[in-house]
Amino acid sequence: MASYLYAEFVSSPKKEELIVNYSLLSEWVKENSDFSGSVESCYLLPEIVIFTLKGGEKLCFVLSNRDSFIYFDNSRLDLSEAKSIWQNLKNSRIDNLRIAEQDRIIYFNLSHQDIYQQNHTYILVAELMMPQPNLIFCNSKMQ
């Protein structure tokens, strides 16, 4: 799993600075760029947030201070000890996976229709940087 976070330092031809290229994480994002799903529920466990999607697939964010990464899981996970979070995201559409150009930050769009039939777009930001990785839920203006 940690291989997703491989960093390659590349000298920039235009500047006298180093550019960090997270090649395996970037490749994972590229391979999954057409991902979309409907959120069934969200759970919090120590150092992991799990989005269960309709159809049984799970989008997992490991947020440890030792290692942080993201992956899909189709197995049955024991969520009996997990805390249910973000119940208002049920039935939200999650898609538009992308990565910051030179950082370990991944963005997802979440589209949600509330009980008043109002459509809302949110952005889920996964900062996969140690020692304090974060999962941030923002409105469409990144606030």
C-alpha atoms as a PDB file:
ATOM      1  CA  MET A   1       0.000   0.000   0.000  1.00  0.00           C
ATOM      2  CA  ALA A   2       2.749   2.466   0.847  1.00  0.00           C
ATOM      3  CA  SER A   3       4.008   2.248  -2.713  1.00  0.00           C
ATOM      4  CA  TYR A   4       1.250   4.639  -3.730  1.00  0.00           C
ATOM      5  CA  LEU A   5       3.166   7.379  -1.979  1.00  0.00           C
ATOM      6  CA  TYR A   6       6.485   6.924  -3.722  1.00  0.00           C
ATOM      7  CA  ALA A   7       8.102  10.314  -4.255  1.00  0.00           C
ATOM      8  CA  GLU A   8      10.564  11.013  -7.010  1.00  0.00           C
ATOM      9  CA  PHE A   9      12.589  14.207  -6.896  1.00  0.00           C
ATOM     10  CA  VAL A  10      13.122  15.752 -10.299  1.00  0.00           C
ATOM     11  CA  SER A  11      15.179  18.818 -11.143  1.00  0.00           C
ATOM     12  CA  SER A  12      13.150  21.427 -12.956  1.00  0.00           C
ATOM     13  CA  PRO A  13      14.742  22.552 -16.239  1.00  0.00           C
ATOM     14  CA  LYS A  14      13.286  26.066 -15.859  1.00  0.00           C
ATOM     15  CA  LYS A  15      13.993  26.662 -12.200  1.00  0.00           C
ATOM     16  CA  GLU A  16      16.715  25.858  -9.742  1.00  0.00           C
ATOM     17  CA  GLU A  17      14.406  23.999  -7.426  1.00  0.00           C
ATOM     18  CA  LEU A  18      13.286  20.456  -6.945  1.00  0.00           C
ATOM     19  CA  ILE A  19       9.896  19.259  -8.067  1.00  0.00           C
ATOM     20  CA  VAL A  20       8.369  16.363  -6.206  1.00  0.00           C
ATOM     21  CA  ASN A  21       6.675  13.837  -8.474  1.00  0.00           C
ATOM     22  CA  TYR A  22       4.470  11.320  -6.683  1.00  0.00           C
ATOM     23  CA  SER A  23       4.487   9.000  -9.668  1.00  0.00           C
ATOM     24  CA  LEU A  24       2.691   5.956  -8.231  1.00  0.00           C
ATOM     25  CA  LEU A  25      -0.012   8.018  -6.556  1.00  0.00           C
ATOM     26  CA  SER A  26      -0.424  10.011  -9.779  1.00  0.00           C
ATOM     27  CA  GLU A  27      -0.692   6.763 -11.738  1.00  0.00           C
ATOM     28  CA  TRP A  28      -3.338   5.436  -9.326  1.00  0.00           C
ATOM     29  CA  VAL A  29      -5.339   8.643  -9.803  1.00  0.00           C
ATOM     30  CA  LYS A  30      -4.979   8.384 -13.582  1.00  0.00           C
ATOM     31  CA  GLU A  31      -6.127   4.744 -13.564  1.00  0.00           C
ATOM     32  CA  ASN A  32      -9.191   5.688 -11.500  1.00  0.00           C
ATOM     33  CA  SER A  33      -9.965   9.090 -13.050  1.00  0.00           C
ATOM     34  CA  ASP A  34     -13.264   7.819 -14.480  1.00  0.00           C
ATOM     35  CA  PHE A  35     -14.418   6.571 -11.053  1.00  0.00           C
ATOM     36  CA  SER A  36     -17.902   7.509  -9.930  1.00  0.00           C
ATOM     37  CA  GLY A  37     -20.190   6.021  -7.355  1.00  0.00           C
ATOM     38  CA  SER A  38     -23.142   6.645  -5.101  1.00  0.00           C
ATOM     39  CA  VAL A  39     -22.362   6.976  -1.393  1.00  0.00           C
ATOM     40  CA  GLU A  40     -24.309   4.617   0.839  1.00  0.00           C
ATOM     41  CA  SER A  41     -22.576   5.513   4.135  1.00  0.00           C
ATOM     42  CA  CYS A  42     -19.387   6.862   5.677  1.00  0.00           C
ATOM     43  CA  TYR A  43     -17.528   5.362   8.631  1.00  0.00           C
ATOM     44  CA  LEU A  44     -14.701   6.430  10.875  1.00  0.00           C
ATOM     45  CA  LEU A  45     -12.272   3.963  12.406  1.00  0.00           C
ATOM     46  CA  PRO A  46      -8.952   4.772  14.064  1.00  0.00           C
ATOM     47  CA  GLU A  47      -6.776   6.183  11.264  1.00  0.00           C
ATOM     48  CA  ILE A  48      -9.206   5.260   8.451  1.00  0.00           C
ATOM     49  CA  VAL A  49     -12.314   6.743   6.822  1.00  0.00           C
ATOM     50  CA  ILE A  50     -14.427   4.418   4.689  1.00  0.00           C
ATOM     51  CA  PHE A  51     -17.037   5.418   2.128  1.00  0.00           C
ATOM     52  CA  THR A  52     -19.283   2.464   1.345  1.00  0.00           C
ATOM     53  CA  LEU A  53     -20.711   2.746  -2.130  1.00  0.00           C
ATOM     54  CA  LYS A  54     -23.820   1.226  -3.620  1.00  0.00           C
ATOM     55  CA  GLY A  55     -22.818  -2.095  -5.109  1.00  0.00           C
ATOM     56  CA  GLY A  56     -20.565  -2.960  -2.153  1.00  0.00           C
ATOM     57  CA  GLU A  57     -17.321  -1.251  -3.164  1.00  0.00           C
ATOM     58  CA  LYS A  58     -15.528   0.776  -0.506  1.00  0.00           C
ATOM     59  CA  LEU A  59     -13.342   3.842  -0.926  1.00  0.00           C
ATOM     60  CA  CYS A  60     -10.848   3.796   1.956  1.00  0.00           C
ATOM     61  CA  PHE A  61      -8.649   6.622   3.195  1.00  0.00           C
ATOM     62  CA  VAL A  62      -5.848   5.589   5.542  1.00  0.00           C
ATOM     63  CA  LEU A  63      -4.860   8.671   7.550  1.00  0.00           C
ATOM     64  CA  SER A  64      -2.041   7.514   9.791  1.00  0.00           C
ATOM     65  CA  ASN A  65       0.824   9.748  10.905  1.00  0.00           C
ATOM     66  CA  ARG A  66       3.173   6.947   9.737  1.00  0.00           C
ATOM     67  CA  ASP A  67       1.664   6.400   6.295  1.00  0.00           C
ATOM     68  CA  SER A  68      -1.346   7.686   4.398  1.00  0.00           C
ATOM     69  CA  PHE A  69      -2.914   6.378   1.229  1.00  0.00           C
ATOM     70  CA  ILE A  70      -6.190   5.683  -0.545  1.00  0.00           C
ATOM     71  CA  TYR A  71      -7.544   2.484  -2.061  1.00  0.00           C
ATOM     72  CA  PHE A  72     -10.674   0.664  -3.189  1.00  0.00           C
ATOM     73  CA  ASP A  73     -11.804  -2.474  -1.389  1.00  0.00           C
ATOM     74  CA  ASN A  74     -14.437  -5.008  -2.453  1.00  0.00           C
ATOM     75  CA  SER A  75     -14.108  -7.302   0.564  1.00  0.00           C
ATOM     76  CA  ARG A  76     -16.460  -7.469   3.511  1.00  0.00           C
ATOM     77  CA  LEU A  77     -15.045  -5.230   6.211  1.00  0.00           C
ATOM     78  CA  ASP A  78     -16.108  -5.504   9.837  1.00  0.00           C
ATOM     79  CA  LEU A  79     -17.545  -2.066  10.561  1.00  0.00           C
ATOM     80  CA  SER A  80     -19.151  -2.984  13.903  1.00  0.00           C
ATOM     81  CA  GLU A  81     -16.607  -0.834  15.785  1.00  0.00           C
ATOM     82  CA  ALA A  82     -16.823   2.030  13.283  1.00  0.00           C
ATOM     83  CA  LYS A  83     -18.556   5.330  13.969  1.00  0.00           C
ATOM     84  CA  SER A  84     -21.046   6.454  11.321  1.00  0.00           C
ATOM     85  CA  ILE A  85     -20.202   9.962  10.059  1.00  0.00           C
ATOM     86  CA  TRP A  86     -21.508  12.404   7.433  1.00  0.00           C
ATOM     87  CA  GLN A  87     -24.965  10.812   7.245  1.00  0.00           C
ATOM     88  CA  ASN A  88     -26.096  13.748   5.092  1.00  0.00           C
ATOM     89  CA  LEU A  89     -23.895  12.403   2.247  1.00  0.00           C
ATOM     90  CA  LYS A  90     -26.085   9.322   1.749  1.00  0.00           C
ATOM     91  CA  ASN A  91     -27.007   9.021  -1.939  1.00  0.00           C
ATOM     92  CA  SER A  92     -24.426  11.645  -2.935  1.00  0.00           C
ATOM     93  CA  ARG A  93     -22.649  11.101  -6.224  1.00  0.00           C
ATOM     94  CA  ILE A  94     -18.856  10.988  -5.830  1.00  0.00           C
ATOM     95  CA  ASP A  95     -16.729  11.510  -8.948  1.00  0.00           C
ATOM     96  CA  ASN A  96     -14.184  13.740 -10.717  1.00  0.00           C
ATOM     97  CA  LEU A  97     -11.090  12.276  -9.057  1.00  0.00           C
ATOM     98  CA  ARG A  98      -7.988  14.449  -9.572  1.00  0.00           C
ATOM     99  CA  ILE A  99      -4.620  15.134  -7.944  1.00  0.00           C
ATOM    100  CA  ALA A 100      -2.719  18.350  -7.218  1.00  0.00           C
ATOM    101  CA  GLU A 101       0.079  18.705  -9.745  1.00  0.00           C
ATOM    102  CA  GLN A 102       3.024  18.399  -7.366  1.00  0.00           C
ATOM    103  CA  ASP A 103       1.536  17.302  -4.101  1.00  0.00           C
ATOM    104  CA  ARG A 104      -0.163  14.410  -2.346  1.00  0.00           C
ATOM    105  CA  ILE A 105      -3.563  16.082  -2.387  1.00  0.00           C
ATOM    106  CA  ILE A 106      -6.465  14.323  -4.080  1.00  0.00           C
ATOM    107  CA  TYR A 107      -9.808  15.959  -4.840  1.00  0.00           C
ATOM    108  CA  PHE A 108     -13.254  14.421  -5.360  1.00  0.00           C
ATOM    109  CA  ASN A 109     -16.531  16.103  -6.250  1.00  0.00           C
ATOM    110  CA  LEU A 110     -19.636  15.190  -4.274  1.00  0.00           C
ATOM    111  CA  SER A 111     -23.057  16.076  -5.701  1.00  0.00           C
ATOM    112  CA  HIS A 112     -25.957  15.915  -3.298  1.00  0.00           C
ATOM    113  CA  GLN A 113     -29.664  16.716  -3.380  1.00  0.00           C
ATOM    114  CA  ASP A 114     -31.057  17.752   0.010  1.00  0.00           C
ATOM    115  CA  ILE A 115     -34.541  17.133   1.419  1.00  0.00           C
ATOM    116  CA  TYR A 116     -35.752  20.361  -0.241  1.00  0.00           C
ATOM    117  CA  GLN A 117     -34.600  19.078  -3.666  1.00  0.00           C
ATOM    118  CA  GLN A 118     -31.781  21.650  -3.727  1.00  0.00           C
ATOM    119  CA  ASN A 119     -28.632  20.461  -5.539  1.00  0.00           C
ATOM    120  CA  HIS A 120     -25.312  21.027  -3.783  1.00  0.00           C
ATOM    121  CA  THR A 121     -21.751  20.366  -4.914  1.00  0.00           C
ATOM    122  CA  TYR A 122     -19.017  19.725  -2.367  1.00  0.00           C
ATOM    123  CA  ILE A 123     -15.347  18.910  -2.654  1.00  0.00           C
ATOM    124  CA  LEU A 124     -13.662  16.219  -0.609  1.00  0.00           C
ATOM    125  CA  VAL A 125      -9.959  16.988  -0.201  1.00  0.00           C
ATOM    126  CA  ALA A 126      -7.639  14.162   0.853  1.00  0.00           C
ATOM    127  CA  GLU A 127      -4.304  15.540   2.068  1.00  0.00           C
ATOM    128  CA  LEU A 128      -2.140  12.425   2.205  1.00  0.00           C
ATOM    129  CA  MET A 129       0.884  14.114   3.769  1.00  0.00           C
ATOM    130  CA  MET A 130       2.491  12.862   6.919  1.00  0.00           C
ATOM    131  CA  PRO A 131       2.709  13.448   9.799  1.00  0.00           C
ATOM    132  CA  GLN A 132      -0.845  14.871   9.790  1.00  0.00           C
ATOM    133  CA  PRO A 133      -2.941  13.639   6.864  1.00  0.00           C
ATOM    134  CA  ASN A 134      -6.412  15.137   6.597  1.00  0.00           C
ATOM    135  CA  LEU A 135      -9.737  14.541   4.939  1.00  0.00           C
ATOM    136  CA  ILE A 136     -11.497  17.885   4.445  1.00  0.00           C
ATOM    137  CA  PHE A 137     -15.082  18.383   3.373  1.00  0.00           C
ATOM    138  CA  CYS A 138     -15.546  21.767   1.604  1.00  0.00           C
ATOM    139  CA  ASN A 139     -18.232  23.580  -0.315  1.00  0.00           C
ATOM    140  CA  SER A 140     -17.686  24.084  -4.046  1.00  0.00           C
ATOM    141  CA  LYS A 141     -15.780  27.322  -3.347  1.00  0.00           C
ATOM    142  CA  MET A 142     -13.240  25.341  -1.271  1.00  0.00           C
ATOM    143  CA  GLN A 143     -14.463  26.933   1.974  1.00  0.00           C
END
